[in-house]
Amino acid sequence: MVNPILLSGTTADPVKRMASGDGAPITSIAIDPMDTAHVYVSRDTDSVWELETVTGVSTRIASIEKPIMVAIGCFSRSRYVLSDTKLTLL
């Protein structure tokens, strides 16, 4: 994640690194440009996670069998999870 707020003269790294909730590599993330919470899935797990970028805390929000990808709807900002067999609205 790129830190959108850096004060003038700050030497901090603009890239903020956060681990996934289960420690596995993240395979898909849906960045919501209107929020600080973003949905993601990680490799070899049935968990869907929400990352709060302000605190860096991930919370498990759903269990979907074999999730492949997450997405955010354009106008409604609804969250979707694609799996092998279905598209789920969270």
N, C-alpha and C. Protein backbone atom coordinates (compact mmCIF):
# COMPACT_ATOMS: atom_id res chain seq x y z
N MET A 1 0.85 -1.17 0.00
CA MET A 1 0.00 0.00 0.00
C MET A 1 0.90 1.24 0.00
N VAL A 2 0.48 2.24 -0.70
CA VAL A 2 1.21 3.50 -0.71
C VAL A 2 0.55 4.42 0.29
N ASN A 3 1.36 5.01 1.18
CA ASN A 3 0.85 5.93 2.18
C ASN A 3 0.48 7.24 1.49
N PRO A 4 -0.82 7.61 1.45
CA PRO A 4 -1.22 8.81 0.72
C PRO A 4 -0.89 10.11 1.44
N ILE A 5 -0.54 10.03 2.71
CA ILE A 5 -0.28 11.25 3.48
C ILE A 5 1.14 11.24 4.00
N LEU A 6 1.96 12.09 3.44
CA LEU A 6 3.32 12.29 3.93
C LEU A 6 3.53 13.79 4.10
N LEU A 7 3.98 14.18 5.25
CA LEU A 7 4.21 15.59 5.50
C LEU A 7 5.45 16.06 4.77
N SER A 8 5.44 17.30 4.38
CA SER A 8 6.58 17.89 3.68
C SER A 8 7.83 17.75 4.53
N GLY A 9 8.90 17.30 3.91
CA GLY A 9 10.16 17.12 4.62
C GLY A 9 10.30 15.78 5.30
N THR A 10 9.26 14.94 5.25
CA THR A 10 9.31 13.62 5.87
C THR A 10 10.20 12.70 5.05
N THR A 11 11.01 11.94 5.73
CA THR A 11 11.88 10.99 5.04
C THR A 11 11.34 9.56 5.11
N ALA A 12 10.10 9.42 5.57
CA ALA A 12 9.50 8.08 5.71
C ALA A 12 9.30 7.44 4.34
N ASP A 13 9.36 6.12 4.33
CA ASP A 13 9.12 5.35 3.12
C ASP A 13 7.64 5.48 2.76
N PRO A 14 7.32 5.86 1.52
CA PRO A 14 5.90 6.01 1.14
C PRO A 14 5.17 4.68 0.98
N VAL A 15 5.89 3.57 0.99
CA VAL A 15 5.27 2.26 0.85
C VAL A 15 5.10 1.65 2.22
N LYS A 16 3.86 1.25 2.52
CA LYS A 16 3.54 0.65 3.81
C LYS A 16 3.30 -0.84 3.59
N ARG A 17 4.09 -1.69 4.19
CA ARG A 17 3.97 -3.13 4.00
C ARG A 17 3.20 -3.74 5.17
N MET A 18 2.20 -4.57 4.83
CA MET A 18 1.38 -5.21 5.84
C MET A 18 1.24 -6.68 5.51
N ALA A 19 1.31 -7.53 6.51
CA ALA A 19 1.15 -8.97 6.31
C ALA A 19 -0.32 -9.32 6.17
N SER A 20 -0.59 -10.42 5.48
CA SER A 20 -1.98 -10.89 5.39
C SER A 20 -2.42 -11.44 6.74
N GLY A 21 -3.71 -11.61 6.90
CA GLY A 21 -4.26 -12.07 8.17
C GLY A 21 -3.81 -13.47 8.57
N ASP A 22 -3.52 -14.31 7.57
CA ASP A 22 -3.09 -15.68 7.86
C ASP A 22 -1.63 -15.92 7.52
N GLY A 23 -0.93 -14.88 7.10
CA GLY A 23 0.49 -15.00 6.78
C GLY A 23 0.78 -15.54 5.39
N ALA A 24 -0.26 -15.96 4.65
CA ALA A 24 -0.08 -16.49 3.29
C ALA A 24 0.00 -15.33 2.29
N PRO A 25 0.60 -15.57 1.13
CA PRO A 25 0.66 -14.53 0.10
C PRO A 25 -0.74 -14.13 -0.38
N ILE A 26 -0.96 -12.85 -0.59
CA ILE A 26 -2.23 -12.33 -1.08
C ILE A 26 -2.30 -12.59 -2.59
N THR A 27 -3.41 -13.19 -3.03
CA THR A 27 -3.56 -13.50 -4.45
C THR A 27 -4.48 -12.53 -5.18
N SER A 28 -5.36 -11.86 -4.45
CA SER A 28 -6.25 -10.87 -5.05
C SER A 28 -6.66 -9.86 -3.99
N ILE A 29 -6.66 -8.59 -4.36
CA ILE A 29 -7.10 -7.53 -3.44
C ILE A 29 -7.94 -6.54 -4.22
N ALA A 30 -9.01 -6.07 -3.61
CA ALA A 30 -9.87 -5.06 -4.21
C ALA A 30 -9.69 -3.77 -3.41
N ILE A 31 -9.05 -2.80 -4.03
CA ILE A 31 -8.79 -1.51 -3.38
C ILE A 31 -10.01 -0.61 -3.56
N ASP A 32 -10.60 -0.19 -2.47
CA ASP A 32 -11.73 0.73 -2.52
C ASP A 32 -11.20 2.15 -2.40
N PRO A 33 -11.28 2.95 -3.46
CA PRO A 33 -10.71 4.29 -3.41
C PRO A 33 -11.46 5.26 -2.49
N MET A 34 -12.64 4.85 -2.03
CA MET A 34 -13.45 5.71 -1.16
C MET A 34 -13.41 5.28 0.30
N ASP A 35 -12.56 4.32 0.64
CA ASP A 35 -12.55 3.77 1.99
C ASP A 35 -11.12 3.41 2.39
N THR A 36 -10.93 3.15 3.66
CA THR A 36 -9.62 2.71 4.14
C THR A 36 -9.60 1.21 4.36
N ALA A 37 -10.73 0.53 4.15
CA ALA A 37 -10.82 -0.91 4.32
C ALA A 37 -10.91 -1.57 2.95
N HIS A 38 -10.09 -2.59 2.73
CA HIS A 38 -10.00 -3.25 1.44
C HIS A 38 -10.11 -4.76 1.63
N VAL A 39 -10.73 -5.44 0.67
CA VAL A 39 -10.99 -6.87 0.77
C VAL A 39 -9.93 -7.64 -0.02
N TYR A 40 -9.49 -8.79 0.53
CA TYR A 40 -8.51 -9.60 -0.18
C TYR A 40 -8.67 -11.08 0.15
N VAL A 41 -8.08 -11.91 -0.69
CA VAL A 41 -7.99 -13.35 -0.44
C VAL A 41 -6.52 -13.74 -0.56
N SER A 42 -6.16 -14.80 0.13
CA SER A 42 -4.78 -15.27 0.09
C SER A 42 -4.73 -16.71 -0.40
N ARG A 43 -3.54 -17.15 -0.73
CA ARG A 43 -3.34 -18.46 -1.35
C ARG A 43 -3.70 -19.62 -0.41
N ASP A 44 -4.36 -20.62 -1.00
CA ASP A 44 -4.66 -21.89 -0.33
C ASP A 44 -5.47 -21.74 0.95
N THR A 45 -6.44 -20.84 0.94
CA THR A 45 -7.31 -20.66 2.10
C THR A 45 -8.72 -20.34 1.62
N ASP A 46 -9.72 -20.62 2.44
CA ASP A 46 -11.11 -20.31 2.12
C ASP A 46 -11.56 -19.00 2.77
N SER A 47 -10.64 -18.28 3.36
CA SER A 47 -10.98 -17.04 4.07
C SER A 47 -10.97 -15.84 3.14
N VAL A 48 -11.91 -14.93 3.40
CA VAL A 48 -11.92 -13.61 2.77
C VAL A 48 -11.61 -12.63 3.89
N TRP A 49 -10.67 -11.75 3.63
CA TRP A 49 -10.18 -10.83 4.66
C TRP A 49 -10.48 -9.39 4.31
N GLU A 50 -10.59 -8.56 5.35
CA GLU A 50 -10.69 -7.11 5.18
C GLU A 50 -9.48 -6.49 5.88
N LEU A 51 -8.74 -5.70 5.14
CA LEU A 51 -7.58 -5.00 5.68
C LEU A 51 -7.95 -3.55 5.95
N GLU A 52 -7.81 -3.13 7.18
CA GLU A 52 -7.99 -1.73 7.55
C GLU A 52 -6.61 -1.08 7.47
N THR A 53 -6.41 -0.25 6.45
CA THR A 53 -5.07 0.28 6.19
C THR A 53 -4.62 1.33 7.20
N VAL A 54 -5.54 1.92 7.93
CA VAL A 54 -5.15 2.90 8.95
C VAL A 54 -4.44 2.20 10.10
N THR A 55 -4.99 1.05 10.52
CA THR A 55 -4.42 0.32 11.65
C THR A 55 -3.50 -0.82 11.23
N GLY A 56 -3.66 -1.29 9.98
CA GLY A 56 -2.88 -2.43 9.52
C GLY A 56 -3.44 -3.77 9.97
N VAL A 57 -4.65 -3.76 10.52
CA VAL A 57 -5.26 -4.97 11.06
C VAL A 57 -6.15 -5.63 10.00
N SER A 58 -5.98 -6.95 9.85
CA SER A 58 -6.83 -7.74 8.96
C SER A 58 -7.85 -8.51 9.79
N THR A 59 -9.09 -8.56 9.29
CA THR A 59 -10.17 -9.28 9.95
C THR A 59 -10.80 -10.24 8.96
N ARG A 60 -11.00 -11.46 9.38
CA ARG A 60 -11.67 -12.44 8.51
C ARG A 60 -13.15 -12.10 8.46
N ILE A 61 -13.69 -11.89 7.25
CA ILE A 61 -15.08 -11.46 7.12
C ILE A 61 -15.99 -12.51 6.48
N ALA A 62 -15.41 -13.54 5.85
CA ALA A 62 -16.23 -14.57 5.22
C ALA A 62 -15.40 -15.81 4.95
N SER A 63 -16.11 -16.90 4.72
CA SER A 63 -15.48 -18.15 4.31
C SER A 63 -16.15 -18.58 3.01
N ILE A 64 -15.41 -18.60 1.93
CA ILE A 64 -15.90 -18.99 0.61
C ILE A 64 -14.98 -20.10 0.11
N GLU A 65 -15.56 -21.18 -0.37
CA GLU A 65 -14.73 -22.30 -0.83
C GLU A 65 -13.94 -21.91 -2.07
N LYS A 66 -12.63 -22.04 -1.99
CA LYS A 66 -11.68 -21.78 -3.08
C LYS A 66 -11.88 -20.41 -3.75
N PRO A 67 -11.75 -19.33 -3.00
CA PRO A 67 -11.89 -18.01 -3.63
C PRO A 67 -10.74 -17.75 -4.59
N ILE A 68 -11.06 -17.10 -5.70
CA ILE A 68 -10.05 -16.80 -6.72
C ILE A 68 -9.75 -15.30 -6.77
N MET A 69 -10.82 -14.50 -6.76
CA MET A 69 -10.65 -13.06 -6.96
C MET A 69 -11.71 -12.29 -6.18
N VAL A 70 -11.36 -11.08 -5.76
CA VAL A 70 -12.32 -10.18 -5.13
C VAL A 70 -12.45 -8.93 -5.98
N ALA A 71 -13.62 -8.28 -5.89
CA ALA A 71 -13.87 -7.07 -6.66
C ALA A 71 -14.84 -6.18 -5.90
N ILE A 72 -14.83 -4.89 -6.25
CA ILE A 72 -15.75 -3.92 -5.67
C ILE A 72 -16.60 -3.36 -6.80
N GLY A 73 -17.95 -3.35 -6.58
CA GLY A 73 -18.86 -2.81 -7.58
C GLY A 73 -18.67 -1.31 -7.75
N CYS A 74 -18.89 -0.85 -8.95
CA CYS A 74 -18.61 0.54 -9.32
C CYS A 74 -19.44 1.55 -8.52
N PHE A 75 -20.74 1.55 -8.67
CA PHE A 75 -21.56 2.56 -8.01
C PHE A 75 -22.00 2.15 -6.62
N SER A 76 -22.33 0.89 -6.45
CA SER A 76 -22.83 0.41 -5.16
C SER A 76 -21.72 0.16 -4.15
N ARG A 77 -20.49 -0.02 -4.67
CA ARG A 77 -19.33 -0.36 -3.85
C ARG A 77 -19.55 -1.67 -3.09
N SER A 78 -20.41 -2.54 -3.65
CA SER A 78 -20.62 -3.87 -3.08
C SER A 78 -19.35 -4.69 -3.29
N ARG A 79 -19.16 -5.66 -2.43
CA ARG A 79 -17.97 -6.51 -2.50
C ARG A 79 -18.37 -7.89 -3.03
N TYR A 80 -17.59 -8.39 -3.99
CA TYR A 80 -17.86 -9.66 -4.62
C TYR A 80 -16.65 -10.58 -4.50
N VAL A 81 -16.93 -11.89 -4.40
CA VAL A 81 -15.87 -12.89 -4.37
C VAL A 81 -16.18 -13.91 -5.46
N LEU A 82 -15.23 -14.13 -6.35
CA LEU A 82 -15.36 -15.14 -7.39
C LEU A 82 -14.65 -16.40 -6.94
N SER A 83 -15.37 -17.54 -7.06
CA SER A 83 -14.75 -18.83 -6.74
C SER A 83 -14.83 -19.72 -7.98
N ASP A 84 -14.46 -20.98 -7.83
CA ASP A 84 -14.53 -21.92 -8.97
C ASP A 84 -15.94 -22.05 -9.54
N THR A 85 -16.94 -21.98 -8.69
CA THR A 85 -18.30 -22.29 -9.12
C THR A 85 -19.32 -21.17 -9.03
N LYS A 86 -18.97 -20.05 -8.39
CA LYS A 86 -19.98 -19.01 -8.20
C LYS A 86 -19.37 -17.64 -7.95
N LEU A 87 -20.22 -16.63 -8.05
CA LEU A 87 -19.88 -15.26 -7.69
C LEU A 87 -20.73 -14.92 -6.47
N THR A 88 -20.09 -14.55 -5.37
CA THR A 88 -20.78 -14.29 -4.11
C THR A 88 -20.74 -12.82 -3.78
N LEU A 89 -21.89 -12.27 -3.42
CA LEU A 89 -21.99 -10.89 -2.92
C LEU A 89 -21.84 -10.94 -1.41
N LEU A 90 -20.88 -10.19 -0.89
CA LEU A 90 -20.68 -10.17 0.57
C LEU A 90 -21.62 -9.18 1.21
